[in-house]
C-alpha atoms as a PDB file:
ATOM      1  CA  UNK A   1      -0.221  -0.034  -0.050  1.00  0.00           C
ATOM      2  CA  UNK A   2       1.398   3.262  -1.023  1.00  0.00           C
ATOM      3  CA  UNK A   3       0.048   5.950   1.410  1.00  0.00           C
ATOM      4  CA  UNK A   4       2.700   8.565   1.026  1.00  0.00           C
ATOM      5  CA  UNK A   5       2.821   8.374  -2.744  1.00  0.00           C
ATOM      6  CA  UNK A   6       2.370  11.741  -4.297  1.00  0.00           C
ATOM      7  CA  UNK A   7       2.334  10.786  -7.541  1.00  0.00           C
ATOM      8  CA  UNK A   8      -1.081  10.126  -9.258  1.00  0.00           C
ATOM      9  CA  UNK A   9      -2.027   7.684 -11.840  1.00  0.00           C
ATOM     10  CA  UNK A  10      -4.842   9.294 -13.563  1.00  0.00           C
ATOM     11  CA  UNK A  11      -3.079  12.580 -14.774  1.00  0.00           C
ATOM     12  CA  UNK A  12      -4.606  14.153 -17.626  1.00  0.00           C
ATOM     13  CA  UNK A  13      -3.627  17.034 -20.100  1.00  0.00           C
ATOM     14  CA  UNK A  14      -5.510  19.809 -22.093  1.00  0.00           C
ATOM     15  CA  UNK A  15      -4.899  18.792 -25.963  1.00  0.00           C
ATOM     16  CA  UNK A  16      -4.128  22.720 -27.375  1.00  0.00           C
ATOM     17  CA  UNK A  17      -4.062  21.108 -31.061  1.00  0.00           C
ATOM     18  CA  UNK A  18      -7.585  21.553 -31.854  1.00  0.00           C
ATOM     19  CA  UNK A  19      -7.857  24.836 -30.341  1.00  0.00           C
ATOM     20  CA  UNK A  20      -4.844  25.976 -32.689  1.00  0.00           C
ATOM     21  CA  UNK A  21      -6.772  24.466 -35.490  1.00  0.00           C
ATOM     22  CA  UNK A  22      -9.750  26.544 -34.999  1.00  0.00           C
ATOM     23  CA  UNK A  23      -7.694  30.142 -34.380  1.00  0.00           C
ATOM     24  CA  UNK A  24      -5.982  29.284 -37.667  1.00  0.00           C
ATOM     25  CA  UNK A  25      -9.000  28.847 -39.714  1.00  0.00           C
ATOM     26  CA  UNK A  26     -10.557  31.892 -38.040  1.00  0.00           C
ATOM     27  CA  UNK A  27      -7.403  33.852 -38.827  1.00  0.00           C
ATOM     28  CA  UNK A  28      -7.359  32.803 -42.595  1.00  0.00           C
ATOM     29  CA  UNK A  29     -11.098  33.405 -42.827  1.00  0.00           C
ATOM     30  CA  UNK A  30     -10.588  37.164 -41.610  1.00  0.00           C
ATOM     31  CA  UNK A  31      -7.394  37.886 -43.615  1.00  0.00           C
ATOM     32  CA  UNK A  32      -9.140  36.340 -46.906  1.00  0.00           C
ATOM     33  CA  UNK A  33     -12.187  38.478 -46.422  1.00  0.00           C
ATOM     34  CA  UNK A  34     -10.713  41.560 -45.377  1.00  0.00           C
ATOM     35  CA  UNK A  35      -8.283  41.646 -48.394  1.00  0.00           C
ATOM     36  CA  UNK A  36     -11.271  41.807 -51.001  1.00  0.00           C
ATOM     37  CA  UNK A  37     -12.486  45.241 -49.540  1.00  0.00           C
ATOM     38  CA  UNK A  38     -13.051  47.618 -52.669  1.00  0.00           C
ATOM     39  CA  UNK A  39     -12.241  50.964 -52.556  1.00  0.00           C
ATOM     40  CA  UNK A  40     -14.827  51.867 -55.313  1.00  0.00           C
ATOM     41  CA  UNK A  41     -17.307  51.013 -52.636  1.00  0.00           C
ATOM     42  CA  UNK A  42     -15.855  53.835 -50.015  1.00  0.00           C
ATOM     43  CA  UNK A  43     -18.637  56.163 -48.626  1.00  0.00           C
ATOM     44  CA  UNK A  44     -18.417  59.011 -50.798  1.00  0.00           C
ATOM     45  CA  UNK A  45     -21.403  61.729 -51.055  1.00  0.00           C
ATOM     46  CA  UNK A  46     -22.332  61.537 -55.149  1.00  0.00           C
ATOM     47  CA  UNK A  47     -23.723  64.959 -56.282  1.00  0.00           C
ATOM     48  CA  UNK A  48     -27.487  64.857 -57.774  1.00  0.00           C
ATOM     49  CA  UNK A  49     -28.563  64.618 -61.067  1.00  0.00           C
ATOM     50  CA  UNK A  50     -32.072  64.220 -62.655  1.00  0.00           C
ATOM     51  CA  UNK A  51     -31.000  61.533 -65.676  1.00  0.00           C
ATOM     52  CA  UNK A  52     -31.718  58.273 -65.883  1.00  0.00           C
ATOM     53  CA  UNK A  53     -28.778  55.964 -64.953  1.00  0.00           C
ATOM     54  CA  UNK A  54     -26.792  54.455 -67.910  1.00  0.00           C
ATOM     55  CA  UNK A  55     -27.042  50.637 -68.660  1.00  0.00           C
ATOM     56  CA  UNK A  56     -24.417  48.845 -66.633  1.00  0.00           C
ATOM     57  CA  UNK A  57     -21.186  48.386 -68.668  1.00  0.00           C
ATOM     58  CA  UNK A  58     -19.311  45.234 -68.286  1.00  0.00           C
ATOM     59  CA  UNK A  59     -16.020  45.590 -66.123  1.00  0.00           C
ATOM     60  CA  UNK A  60     -15.543  49.529 -66.433  1.00  0.00           C
ATOM     61  CA  UNK A  61     -12.537  51.321 -64.746  1.00  0.00           C
ATOM     62  CA  UNK A  62     -13.479  53.098 -61.770  1.00  0.00           C
ATOM     63  CA  UNK A  63     -11.418  55.909 -60.482  1.00  0.00           C
ATOM     64  CA  UNK A  64     -12.768  57.526 -57.091  1.00  0.00           C
ATOM     65  CA  UNK A  65     -11.790  60.986 -55.758  1.00  0.00           C
ATOM     66  CA  UNK A  66     -12.563  61.403 -51.974  1.00  0.00           C
ATOM     67  CA  UNK A  67     -13.757  64.809 -50.145  1.00  0.00           C
ATOM     68  CA  UNK A  68      -9.766  65.246 -49.398  1.00  0.00           C
ATOM     69  CA  UNK A  69      -9.025  65.238 -53.391  1.00  0.00           C
ATOM     70  CA  UNK A  70      -7.253  61.719 -52.887  1.00  0.00           C
ATOM     71  CA  UNK A  71      -7.314  59.519 -55.934  1.00  0.00           C
ATOM     72  CA  UNK A  72      -8.038  55.546 -55.854  1.00  0.00           C
ATOM     73  CA  UNK A  73      -7.825  53.593 -59.157  1.00  0.00           C
ATOM     74  CA  UNK A  74      -9.097  50.211 -59.084  1.00  0.00           C
ATOM     75  CA  UNK A  75      -8.450  48.936 -55.797  1.00  0.00           C
ATOM     76  CA  UNK A  76      -5.431  51.234 -54.810  1.00  0.00           C
ATOM     77  CA  UNK A  77      -4.971  54.721 -53.641  1.00  0.00           C
ATOM     78  CA  UNK A  78      -2.636  56.748 -56.058  1.00  0.00           C
ATOM     79  CA  UNK A  79       0.299  58.145 -54.318  1.00  0.00           C
ATOM     80  CA  UNK A  80       0.736  61.951 -55.219  1.00  0.00           C
ATOM     81  CA  UNK A  81      -1.674  64.738 -56.673  1.00  0.00           C
ATOM     82  CA  UNK A  82      -0.216  65.433 -59.773  1.00  0.00           C
ATOM     83  CA  UNK A  83      -1.716  64.234 -63.215  1.00  0.00           C
ATOM     84  CA  UNK A  84       1.328  62.102 -63.937  1.00  0.00           C
ATOM     85  CA  UNK A  85       1.118  59.816 -61.182  1.00  0.00           C
ATOM     86  CA  UNK A  86      -2.557  59.342 -61.752  1.00  0.00           C
ATOM     87  CA  UNK A  87      -1.724  58.225 -65.413  1.00  0.00           C
ATOM     88  CA  UNK A  88       0.983  55.850 -64.536  1.00  0.00           C
ATOM     89  CA  UNK A  89      -1.934  54.446 -61.972  1.00  0.00           C
ATOM     90  CA  UNK A  90      -4.555  54.142 -64.743  1.00  0.00           C
ATOM     91  CA  UNK A  91      -2.287  52.753 -67.202  1.00  0.00           C
ATOM     92  CA  UNK A  92      -1.093  50.116 -64.894  1.00  0.00           C
ATOM     93  CA  UNK A  93      -4.770  49.085 -64.273  1.00  0.00           C
ATOM     94  CA  UNK A  94      -6.237  49.668 -67.925  1.00  0.00           C
ATOM     95  CA  UNK A  95      -3.599  47.067 -69.133  1.00  0.00           C
ATOM     96  CA  UNK A  96      -3.758  49.408 -73.007  1.00  0.00           C
ATOM     97  CA  UNK A  97      -7.440  49.149 -73.216  1.00  0.00           C
ATOM     98  CA  UNK A  98      -8.464  52.585 -73.902  1.00  0.00           C
ATOM     99  CA  UNK A  99     -12.083  51.500 -75.164  1.00  0.00           C
ATOM    100  CA  UNK A 100     -12.778  50.479 -71.403  1.00  0.00           C
ATOM    101  CA  UNK A 101     -15.392  52.504 -70.144  1.00  0.00           C
ATOM    102  CA  UNK A 102     -14.456  54.564 -67.365  1.00  0.00           C
ATOM    103  CA  UNK A 103     -16.772  55.648 -64.206  1.00  0.00           C
ATOM    104  CA  UNK A 104     -15.350  58.788 -62.345  1.00  0.00           C
ATOM    105  CA  UNK A 105     -16.971  58.137 -58.678  1.00  0.00           C
ATOM    106  CA  UNK A 106     -15.822  61.963 -56.872  1.00  0.00           C
ATOM    107  CA  UNK A 107     -17.654  63.132 -53.664  1.00  0.00           C
ATOM    108  CA  UNK A 108     -19.848  66.040 -53.719  1.00  0.00           C
ATOM    109  CA  UNK A 109     -17.433  67.993 -51.870  1.00  0.00           C
ATOM    110  CA  UNK A 110     -14.612  66.965 -53.746  1.00  0.00           C
ATOM    111  CA  UNK A 111     -12.609  70.292 -55.056  1.00  0.00           C
ATOM    112  CA  UNK A 112     -13.165  70.961 -58.709  1.00  0.00           C
ATOM    113  CA  UNK A 113      -9.413  70.776 -59.570  1.00  0.00           C
ATOM    114  CA  UNK A 114      -9.268  67.003 -58.577  1.00  0.00           C
ATOM    115  CA  UNK A 115     -12.135  66.305 -60.857  1.00  0.00           C
ATOM    116  CA  UNK A 116     -10.708  68.065 -63.787  1.00  0.00           C
ATOM    117  CA  UNK A 117      -7.327  66.373 -62.759  1.00  0.00           C
ATOM    118  CA  UNK A 118      -8.715  63.202 -63.130  1.00  0.00           C
ATOM    119  CA  UNK A 119     -10.718  63.757 -66.497  1.00  0.00           C
ATOM    120  CA  UNK A 120      -7.286  65.226 -68.080  1.00  0.00           C
ATOM    121  CA  UNK A 121      -5.205  61.985 -67.012  1.00  0.00           C
ATOM    122  CA  UNK A 122      -8.012  59.929 -68.802  1.00  0.00           C
ATOM    123  CA  UNK A 123      -8.137  62.098 -71.816  1.00  0.00           C
ATOM    124  CA  UNK A 124      -4.070  62.310 -72.182  1.00  0.00           C
ATOM    125  CA  UNK A 125      -4.126  58.423 -72.057  1.00  0.00           C
ATOM    126  CA  UNK A 126      -6.970  58.081 -74.571  1.00  0.00           C
ATOM    127  CA  UNK A 127     -10.198  57.231 -72.751  1.00  0.00           C
ATOM    128  CA  UNK A 128     -13.216  58.583 -74.405  1.00  0.00           C
ATOM    129  CA  UNK A 129     -15.854  56.688 -72.539  1.00  0.00           C
ATOM    130  CA  UNK A 130     -16.170  58.487 -69.341  1.00  0.00           C
ATOM    131  CA  UNK A 131     -19.360  58.424 -66.885  1.00  0.00           C
ATOM    132  CA  UNK A 132     -19.412  60.490 -64.024  1.00  0.00           C
ATOM    133  CA  UNK A 133     -21.300  58.753 -61.167  1.00  0.00           C
ATOM    134  CA  UNK A 134     -24.336  60.495 -59.440  1.00  0.00           C
ATOM    135  CA  UNK A 135     -27.112  59.751 -57.521  1.00  0.00           C
ATOM    136  CA  UNK A 136     -30.887  60.560 -58.148  1.00  0.00           C
ATOM    137  CA  UNK A 137     -32.081  63.781 -56.970  1.00  0.00           C
ATOM    138  CA  UNK A 138     -35.128  63.296 -54.689  1.00  0.00           C
ATOM    139  CA  UNK A 139     -37.125  66.365 -56.334  1.00  0.00           C
ATOM    140  CA  UNK A 140     -36.573  64.660 -59.799  1.00  0.00           C
ATOM    141  CA  UNK A 141     -37.865  61.418 -58.960  1.00  0.00           C
ATOM    142  CA  UNK A 142     -41.190  62.211 -57.158  1.00  0.00           C
ATOM    143  CA  UNK A 143     -44.361  62.551 -59.127  1.00  0.00           C
END
């Protein structure tokens, strides 16, 4: 009989391998879902217009201008505010396809110069199918 033995026979251990598997799965889920955020869906307040929206075009090039006049081409912010930097960013995304439709999404409070700079860069690159995104005016849609 072992009365003084302090070593127990039924020791157990907690296995952390399933916990690590679950944490890695959650980490991968959050990493993959956050990398697909599009800058084209940024919260910008579009100016109002009374015209009907045009038919949706397949794969348009989207240029976003936020309230501070920063440019976003596709999913990337353009570093710099000049025409040359914007032209380089547009040319990198367009892949030489100048007949592609372009949607210019500018915030309603964007400085006018930023919109003109974007239109100038698109014109210099040869883009001719330019649309400016707007939201419908509440007064013009009411019967």
